[in-house]
Amino acid sequence: MNFYKKKAARPLCLGLAIFAAAILSAPIFFSCSALKKERHSLKIVNWNAQTFFDGNNDGIEYSSFIKSKRWNQEAYKDRLQKLCKAIDQLDGDLVVLEEIENLGIVYDISNALAGNNWNPQKVYRYACFAKKEKSSIGCAVLSRLPLQGLKVHSLDIQAEQSQAPSMRPLIEVDLLAPKRLKLFVNHWKSKGGGNAGGKDSEIWRRWQESLLAQKIIEAKEECEGIPIICAGDFNQDISEFSLVQDGDVDGGAESGLANVALFCPFYGKNALVYSPWLDFSGQIGSYNFRDKWERIDHFFTSGNLTLEDFAPQTGEWSYEDGRPKTFRLYSLNGWSDHLPIACRVSF
């Protein structure tokens, strides 16, 4: 298959506090040998925030929001407050969010969280956001530690019989903690009907998987042992990935074997990574569809990194049985149709 990349929407990597922009723009150089020095630990949270639009009608929102008589600035402020309260309780050093409409919402989240926190170490001073031009939603990263080297990768597929649907780009960004951790943020094609969804959507997720695998392999070739974590809503249960057979060893997790092979036709080899879902003993997933749990939100790791304490996160945003309290536009109640997932990584 042929693989083509095209320029996506202009990536934005911003400091959200005094002097942060200057810190982000300063050149920082790494040595791969530095990866073997003192280890660091941080908590990472990933959450699909479910159609998180602001209170303005820009014409790109989903039709249900455009037509709604209840959705306005006040409704947005109330929902923003609920999201920020939940993020504060989750207390991640790095927070990855899917289905965010625009950069302004990222500012609103960061400023609201900073206004409620007197501990400077808990403030999210750094953030990045990207989405495809004219699309409704994108992905955001909030970080308490500096971000560097943002890249946005998009697909332009001309090797299938049907026309490719609009697909969200892959975000690549480095976290400095002070060592370098590479983060890939994903939101893959949904299985829902319409716009090449449904049964045909697997084709397009396969392409997105290939892009992610390619970038993982390239990062590892550039710097052997570099700690890598992939996060996001992959719209694909862990059982739908290619699992690694016993004996196939990779640096996916220092504590064990890689257990997932991400398909990559471009280099003639797959990217071997570790998924904590396959070691998770809990009964719930991250998404519940027709009373059936699915594990479609993921962390995948590779390189000199250990992942611990992985679990879907329950709280005010979930029912007693763990099911997420889906946001309902008609009532303005709920948080999201996904549960957040969280883990602690050491590198």
Protein backbone atom coordinates (compact mmCIF):
# COMPACT_ATOMS: atom_id res chain seq x y z
CA MET A 1 0.00 0.00 0.00
CA ASN A 2 1.07 3.56 -0.63
CA PHE A 3 1.06 6.03 2.19
CA TYR A 4 0.66 9.77 1.78
CA LYS A 5 0.76 12.57 4.30
CA LYS A 6 -0.76 15.97 3.86
CA LYS A 7 -0.59 19.11 5.90
CA ALA A 8 -3.18 19.21 8.68
CA ALA A 9 -4.59 22.17 10.51
CA ARG A 10 -1.91 24.42 11.89
CA PRO A 11 -0.75 22.83 15.16
CA LEU A 12 -0.84 24.99 18.23
CA CYS A 13 1.42 24.46 21.21
CA LEU A 14 0.89 27.06 23.87
CA GLY A 15 2.07 28.07 27.30
CA LEU A 16 -0.94 28.90 29.41
CA ALA A 17 0.81 30.83 32.16
CA ILE A 18 3.31 33.69 32.48
CA PHE A 19 6.64 32.92 30.75
CA ALA A 20 5.33 29.54 29.52
CA ALA A 21 5.44 30.52 25.84
CA ALA A 22 9.07 31.55 26.16
CA ILE A 23 9.93 28.27 27.84
CA LEU A 24 8.26 26.31 25.05
CA SER A 25 10.06 28.22 22.33
CA ALA A 26 13.51 27.78 23.85
CA PRO A 27 15.62 25.11 22.09
CA ILE A 28 16.19 21.99 24.18
CA PHE A 29 18.59 19.25 23.12
CA PHE A 30 18.53 15.61 24.20
CA SER A 31 21.01 12.80 24.33
CA CYS A 32 19.73 9.24 24.05
CA SER A 33 22.26 8.22 26.71
CA ALA A 34 20.38 10.45 29.16
CA LEU A 35 17.48 8.00 29.05
CA LYS A 36 19.38 5.68 31.41
CA LYS A 37 19.72 8.20 34.23
CA GLU A 38 17.45 8.81 37.22
CA ARG A 39 13.87 7.68 36.69
CA HIS A 40 10.79 9.88 36.95
CA SER A 41 7.16 9.09 37.59
CA LEU A 42 3.95 10.84 36.59
CA LYS A 43 0.23 10.17 36.35
CA ILE A 44 -1.49 10.25 32.94
CA VAL A 45 -5.23 10.57 32.38
CA ASN A 46 -7.08 10.07 29.10
CA TRP A 47 -10.74 11.00 28.62
CA ASN A 48 -13.09 11.36 25.68
CA ALA A 49 -15.11 14.37 26.87
CA GLN A 50 -18.00 13.65 24.44
CA THR A 51 -18.88 16.44 22.02
CA PHE A 52 -17.46 19.23 24.19
CA PHE A 53 -18.56 22.37 22.33
CA ASP A 54 -18.46 25.94 23.57
CA GLY A 55 -21.54 28.16 23.74
CA ASN A 56 -21.01 29.80 20.33
CA ASN A 57 -22.66 28.69 17.11
CA ASP A 58 -19.89 28.62 14.50
CA GLY A 59 -21.72 26.35 12.07
CA ILE A 60 -19.28 23.43 12.54
CA GLU A 61 -20.96 21.93 15.58
CA TYR A 62 -23.04 18.78 15.41
CA SER A 63 -26.59 19.49 14.19
CA SER A 64 -28.11 18.57 17.55
CA PHE A 65 -26.17 21.43 19.19
CA ILE A 66 -26.94 23.89 16.41
CA LYS A 67 -30.67 23.15 16.64
CA SER A 68 -30.83 22.99 20.44
CA LYS A 69 -32.68 25.76 22.24
CA ARG A 70 -31.08 24.78 25.53
CA TRP A 71 -27.41 24.91 24.50
CA ASN A 72 -25.94 28.38 25.14
CA GLN A 73 -23.14 30.14 27.02
CA GLU A 74 -24.63 29.40 30.43
CA ALA A 75 -25.03 25.71 29.62
CA TYR A 76 -21.42 25.65 28.40
CA LYS A 77 -20.13 27.30 31.57
CA ASP A 78 -21.98 24.78 33.72
CA ARG A 79 -20.60 21.86 31.74
CA LEU A 80 -17.10 23.36 31.81
CA GLN A 81 -17.27 23.65 35.59
CA LYS A 82 -18.27 19.99 35.91
CA LEU A 83 -15.45 18.85 33.63
CA CYS A 84 -12.87 20.91 35.50
CA LYS A 85 -14.04 19.55 38.85
CA ALA A 86 -13.60 16.02 37.53
CA ILE A 87 -10.13 16.77 36.09
CA ASP A 88 -9.13 18.25 39.43
CA GLN A 89 -10.24 15.07 41.21
CA LEU A 90 -8.43 12.84 38.70
CA ASP A 91 -5.23 14.82 39.42
CA GLY A 92 -3.20 13.76 36.40
CA ASP A 93 0.14 15.37 35.65
CA LEU A 94 -0.72 14.92 31.98
CA VAL A 95 -4.36 15.01 30.79
CA VAL A 96 -5.31 13.95 27.26
CA LEU A 97 -8.79 14.92 26.04
CA GLU A 98 -10.71 13.92 22.92
CA GLU A 99 -13.74 15.63 21.34
CA ILE A 100 -12.81 19.22 22.25
CA GLU A 101 -14.15 21.81 19.80
CA ASN A 102 -11.43 24.45 19.81
CA LEU A 103 -8.42 26.04 21.43
CA GLY A 104 -10.56 28.51 23.38
CA ILE A 105 -11.99 25.65 25.41
CA VAL A 106 -8.46 24.52 26.26
CA TYR A 107 -7.75 28.00 27.61
CA ASP A 108 -11.01 27.96 29.57
CA ILE A 109 -10.19 24.58 31.15
CA SER A 110 -6.64 25.60 32.07
CA ASN A 111 -7.66 28.97 33.49
CA ALA A 112 -10.53 27.50 35.50
CA LEU A 113 -8.27 24.84 36.99
CA ALA A 114 -5.56 27.40 37.79
CA GLY A 115 -8.08 29.69 39.48
CA ASN A 116 -9.12 26.92 41.86
CA ASN A 117 -5.62 25.81 42.80
CA TRP A 118 -3.07 27.54 45.02
CA ASN A 119 -0.37 24.90 44.54
CA PRO A 120 1.87 26.01 41.64
CA GLN A 121 2.98 22.42 41.03
CA LYS A 122 -0.63 21.44 40.27
CA VAL A 123 -1.24 24.11 37.60
CA TYR A 124 -1.48 23.03 33.96
CA ARG A 125 0.92 25.59 32.50
CA TYR A 126 1.30 23.91 29.12
CA ALA A 127 -1.11 22.65 26.49
CA CYS A 128 -1.46 21.75 22.85
CA PHE A 129 -4.46 21.26 20.59
CA ALA A 130 -5.01 20.13 17.00
CA LYS A 131 -7.84 19.20 14.70
CA LYS A 132 -8.46 18.97 10.98
CA GLU A 133 -9.50 22.22 9.35
CA LYS A 134 -13.29 22.77 9.35
CA SER A 135 -13.88 19.67 11.48
CA SER A 136 -16.06 19.79 14.57
CA ILE A 137 -13.77 18.37 17.24
CA GLY A 138 -10.11 17.75 17.98
CA CYS A 139 -7.75 16.53 20.70
CA ALA A 140 -6.02 18.44 23.49
CA VAL A 141 -3.21 17.83 25.96
CA LEU A 142 -2.91 19.61 29.32
CA SER A 143 0.40 19.28 31.13
CA ARG A 144 2.04 20.40 34.35
CA LEU A 145 5.41 19.82 32.69
CA PRO A 146 6.84 21.49 29.56
CA LEU A 147 5.80 20.30 26.11
CA GLN A 148 8.12 20.47 23.12
CA GLY A 149 8.26 19.60 19.43
CA LEU A 150 4.57 19.33 18.51
CA LYS A 151 3.88 17.57 15.20
CA VAL A 152 0.56 16.74 13.57
CA HIS A 153 0.31 13.82 11.12
CA SER A 154 -2.61 13.36 8.72
CA LEU A 155 -3.56 10.70 6.20
CA ASP A 156 -4.36 11.21 2.51
CA ILE A 157 -5.34 7.74 1.32
CA GLN A 158 -5.52 6.97 -2.41
CA ALA A 159 -5.18 3.19 -2.29
CA GLU A 160 -8.77 2.15 -1.54
CA GLN A 161 -11.76 1.73 -3.83
CA SER A 162 -13.94 4.03 -1.73
CA GLN A 163 -13.19 7.63 -0.84
CA ALA A 164 -11.58 8.12 2.54
CA PRO A 165 -13.72 9.84 5.19
CA SER A 166 -12.55 12.75 7.26
CA MET A 167 -10.18 11.38 9.91
CA ARG A 168 -8.65 13.09 12.88
CA PRO A 169 -4.88 13.65 12.80
CA LEU A 170 -2.31 11.94 14.99
CA ILE A 171 -0.65 14.30 17.49
CA GLU A 172 3.00 13.78 18.41
CA VAL A 173 4.52 15.83 21.23
CA ASP A 174 7.41 15.48 23.69
CA LEU A 175 7.01 15.89 27.43
CA LEU A 176 10.04 17.12 29.39
CA ALA A 177 9.99 15.73 32.90
CA PRO A 178 12.96 16.72 32.80
CA LYS A 179 13.76 13.63 30.74
CA ARG A 180 12.04 13.18 27.41
CA LEU A 181 8.80 11.21 27.09
CA LYS A 182 7.16 10.96 23.65
CA LEU A 183 3.36 11.09 23.56
CA PHE A 184 1.11 10.11 20.65
CA VAL A 185 -2.54 11.23 20.90
CA ASN A 186 -5.14 9.30 18.90
CA HIS A 187 -8.83 9.50 18.06
CA TRP A 188 -9.58 6.82 15.49
CA LYS A 189 -12.54 6.44 13.16
CA SER A 190 -15.79 5.58 14.91
CA LYS A 191 -17.81 2.43 14.22
CA GLY A 192 -20.98 4.54 14.09
CA GLY A 193 -22.90 4.81 10.83
CA GLY A 194 -22.43 7.64 8.35
CA ASN A 195 -19.26 9.17 6.88
CA ALA A 196 -17.69 5.75 6.22
CA GLY A 197 -18.58 4.44 9.65
CA GLY A 198 -20.20 1.09 10.41
CA LYS A 199 -18.69 -2.09 9.02
CA ASP A 200 -16.43 -0.18 6.58
CA SER A 201 -14.81 1.81 9.37
CA GLU A 202 -12.32 -0.98 10.10
CA ILE A 203 -10.49 -0.13 6.87
CA TRP A 204 -9.83 3.41 7.99
CA ARG A 205 -8.83 2.45 11.54
CA ARG A 206 -6.35 0.06 9.97
CA TRP A 207 -4.77 2.99 8.15
CA GLN A 208 -4.66 5.00 11.37
CA GLU A 209 -3.04 2.05 13.12
CA SER A 210 -0.41 1.92 10.36
CA LEU A 211 0.37 5.61 10.78
CA LEU A 212 0.80 5.25 14.54
CA ALA A 213 2.99 2.17 14.11
CA GLN A 214 5.15 3.98 11.56
CA LYS A 215 5.75 6.91 13.90
CA ILE A 216 6.58 4.62 16.83
CA ILE A 217 9.15 2.74 14.75
CA GLU A 218 10.69 5.98 13.51
CA ALA A 219 10.94 7.38 17.04
CA LYS A 220 12.67 4.22 18.27
CA GLU A 221 15.11 4.26 15.36
CA GLU A 222 15.93 7.90 16.08
CA CYS A 223 16.55 7.27 19.78
CA GLU A 224 16.82 3.69 21.01
CA GLY A 225 14.96 3.03 24.25
CA ILE A 226 13.01 6.30 24.17
CA PRO A 227 9.95 6.04 26.45
CA ILE A 228 6.77 6.22 24.37
CA ILE A 229 3.13 6.30 25.44
CA CYS A 230 0.15 6.34 23.09
CA ALA A 231 -3.19 7.52 24.45
CA GLY A 232 -6.66 8.16 23.14
CA ASP A 233 -10.01 6.83 21.99
CA PHE A 234 -9.16 4.17 19.40
CA ASN A 235 -12.79 3.08 18.85
CA GLN A 236 -11.50 -0.47 18.85
CA ASP A 237 -11.63 -2.99 21.68
CA ILE A 238 -8.35 -4.47 22.84
CA SER A 239 -9.58 -7.87 21.59
CA GLU A 240 -9.68 -6.46 18.04
CA PHE A 241 -5.94 -5.76 17.96
CA SER A 242 -3.31 -8.28 16.87
CA LEU A 243 -1.95 -9.87 20.02
CA VAL A 244 1.68 -10.91 20.36
CA GLN A 245 2.42 -14.58 20.91
CA ASP A 246 4.41 -15.69 23.97
CA GLY A 247 8.12 -15.29 23.44
CA ASP A 248 7.97 -12.19 21.27
CA VAL A 249 9.90 -9.81 23.50
CA ASP A 250 10.04 -6.04 23.09
CA GLY A 251 10.70 -3.02 25.24
CA GLY A 252 7.00 -2.32 25.59
CA ALA A 253 7.21 -2.58 29.36
CA GLU A 254 10.25 -3.28 31.46
CA SER A 255 8.22 -5.58 33.71
CA GLY A 256 7.10 -7.97 30.96
CA LEU A 257 6.50 -8.76 27.32
CA ALA A 258 4.93 -6.61 24.68
CA ASN A 259 1.46 -8.00 24.05
CA VAL A 260 0.12 -6.06 21.03
CA ALA A 261 1.47 -5.76 17.49
CA LEU A 262 0.46 -2.57 15.68
CA PHE A 263 0.27 -3.17 11.93
CA CYS A 264 2.91 -1.34 9.85
CA PRO A 265 3.29 -2.28 6.16
CA PHE A 266 5.74 0.52 5.41
CA TYR A 267 8.78 -0.99 7.15
CA GLY A 268 7.95 -4.68 6.77
CA LYS A 269 7.59 -5.08 10.53
CA ASN A 270 5.06 -4.25 13.21
CA ALA A 271 5.42 -1.96 16.18
CA LEU A 272 5.32 -4.09 19.33
CA VAL A 273 3.75 -2.33 22.31
CA TYR A 274 2.31 -3.09 25.72
CA SER A 275 -1.37 -2.68 26.66
CA PRO A 276 -2.38 -2.72 30.36
CA TRP A 277 -5.89 -3.90 29.43
CA LEU A 278 -4.56 -7.43 28.94
CA ASP A 279 -3.34 -7.49 32.55
CA PHE A 280 -6.33 -5.65 34.01
CA SER A 281 -8.46 -7.86 36.28
CA GLY A 282 -11.38 -5.47 36.74
CA GLN A 283 -14.84 -6.15 35.33
CA ILE A 284 -15.52 -2.78 33.72
CA GLY A 285 -14.22 -1.15 30.56
CA SER A 286 -14.07 2.46 29.42
CA TYR A 287 -17.27 2.48 27.34
CA ASN A 288 -20.61 0.76 27.83
CA PHE A 289 -22.78 0.07 24.77
CA ARG A 290 -26.15 -1.61 25.26
CA ASP A 291 -25.09 -2.84 28.70
CA LYS A 292 -21.91 -4.41 27.32
CA TRP A 293 -18.51 -3.16 28.42
CA GLU A 294 -15.96 -2.27 25.76
CA ARG A 295 -12.28 -1.42 26.21
CA ILE A 296 -11.80 1.10 23.41
CA ASP A 297 -9.80 3.82 25.22
CA HIS A 298 -6.17 2.85 25.48
CA PHE A 299 -2.64 3.41 26.65
CA PHE A 300 0.07 1.65 24.62
CA THR A 301 3.69 1.88 25.75
CA SER A 302 7.10 1.15 24.28
CA GLY A 303 10.70 1.75 25.23
CA ASN A 304 12.32 2.35 28.59
CA LEU A 305 9.08 2.84 30.49
CA THR A 306 7.08 1.02 33.18
CA LEU A 307 3.30 1.39 33.45
CA GLU A 308 1.49 0.79 36.75
CA ASP A 309 -1.84 1.41 38.51
CA PHE A 310 -3.89 1.29 35.32
CA ALA A 311 -7.68 1.40 35.64
CA PRO A 312 -10.81 3.09 34.35
CA GLN A 313 -11.73 5.89 36.77
CA THR A 314 -15.13 6.06 38.42
CA GLY A 315 -16.52 8.97 40.42
CA GLU A 316 -19.27 11.53 40.31
CA TRP A 317 -19.29 11.05 36.53
CA SER A 318 -20.34 7.37 36.81
CA TYR A 319 -23.18 5.29 38.23
CA GLU A 320 -22.75 2.83 41.11
CA ASP A 321 -22.16 -0.05 38.67
CA GLY A 322 -19.41 1.96 36.96
CA ARG A 323 -21.31 2.91 33.80
CA PRO A 324 -20.48 6.44 32.63
CA LYS A 325 -23.10 9.15 33.04
CA THR A 326 -23.53 10.13 29.39
CA PHE A 327 -24.02 13.82 28.65
CA ARG A 328 -27.60 14.43 27.49
CA LEU A 329 -28.27 17.58 25.53
CA TYR A 330 -32.01 17.59 26.25
CA SER A 331 -31.44 17.68 30.01
CA LEU A 332 -27.88 19.11 30.13
CA ASN A 333 -27.07 16.37 32.65
CA GLY A 334 -24.15 13.97 32.65
CA TRP A 335 -20.47 14.15 31.83
CA SER A 336 -19.44 11.79 29.03
CA ASP A 337 -20.30 8.44 27.47
CA HIS A 338 -16.72 7.32 28.22
CA LEU A 339 -14.98 6.73 31.52
CA PRO A 340 -11.56 8.33 31.95
CA ILE A 341 -8.65 5.93 32.16
CA ALA A 342 -5.51 6.61 34.18
CA CYS A 343 -2.12 5.09 34.87
CA ARG A 344 1.24 5.93 36.40
CA VAL A 345 4.36 5.68 34.25
CA SER A 346 7.97 5.56 35.37
CA PHE A 347 10.78 6.29 32.95
